[in-house]
Amino acid sequence: MPAAPHPTAHIVPLPVLFNTWKHHAGWVRERIATAASEREIDLKQLAKAVVVAGTKLMDLYTGQLPPWELAERILAQLRDHGHLEQQPFTAWVAKAGFRVVELPDDASRWVLRVGDGERHIHLHTARYSPHSIRVPGISLKTAIVASALALVRGQMLADLETVNNGRRDYLNLPPMAKLAATGGLGEVLCLFASPA
């Protein structure tokens, strides 16, 4: 039986696989706003969707290029260097296990790995790339759900109570004792905060 398509596969063109939940802040911010506009029903769906973010440490792109454009620019680079088709791409990446490309638009760096099937180019934000932050998966999921809940409540930024309500009611996670304004979860919450 063939595997189910990746939940964000429709966001970028073939042959790219790019998990926008884990690697694209602007796309996530749009999902938060959509879920908040639909209230409780979509907050539950949002919490289910963020499962694909996992729990590991990841790099989240915070730049201005939308996912489709990022993928198109990377595909153009691969095409220009003869690495676009599956066989040459796989051979090129296999030499090091991964490859890193930089986009001239904003100097962001992207890790390329070999994906499966028709989406053979697996794209990740590079570690410590310009226009990115490193975040644990649990913090990312918490920030996504808490930010949507804050919007529903009319808050620009999720406070500790909202964070803990989101963790308890939507993510089945224990409460947090405190919330730092800078770094970690606080930084991601600010990133997703509703504009003034």
Foldseek 3Di string as FASTA:
>chain_A
DDDDDDPCVVQEDPLADEDLLQAELVVLLVLLVVLLVVPPVSLLVLLVVLVVNPFAKAKYAQDDDGPHRVRVQVLVVCVVVVCNDQPSVQVVCVVPQWDWDADPVQRWIWIWHQDDDGNGTYIGGDPPGPRIDIATSVLSSLLSSLQSQCVNVVHQFRAQVSSQCSCVVRVVHHGDPHDDCDDYSNPSRVSSGHDD
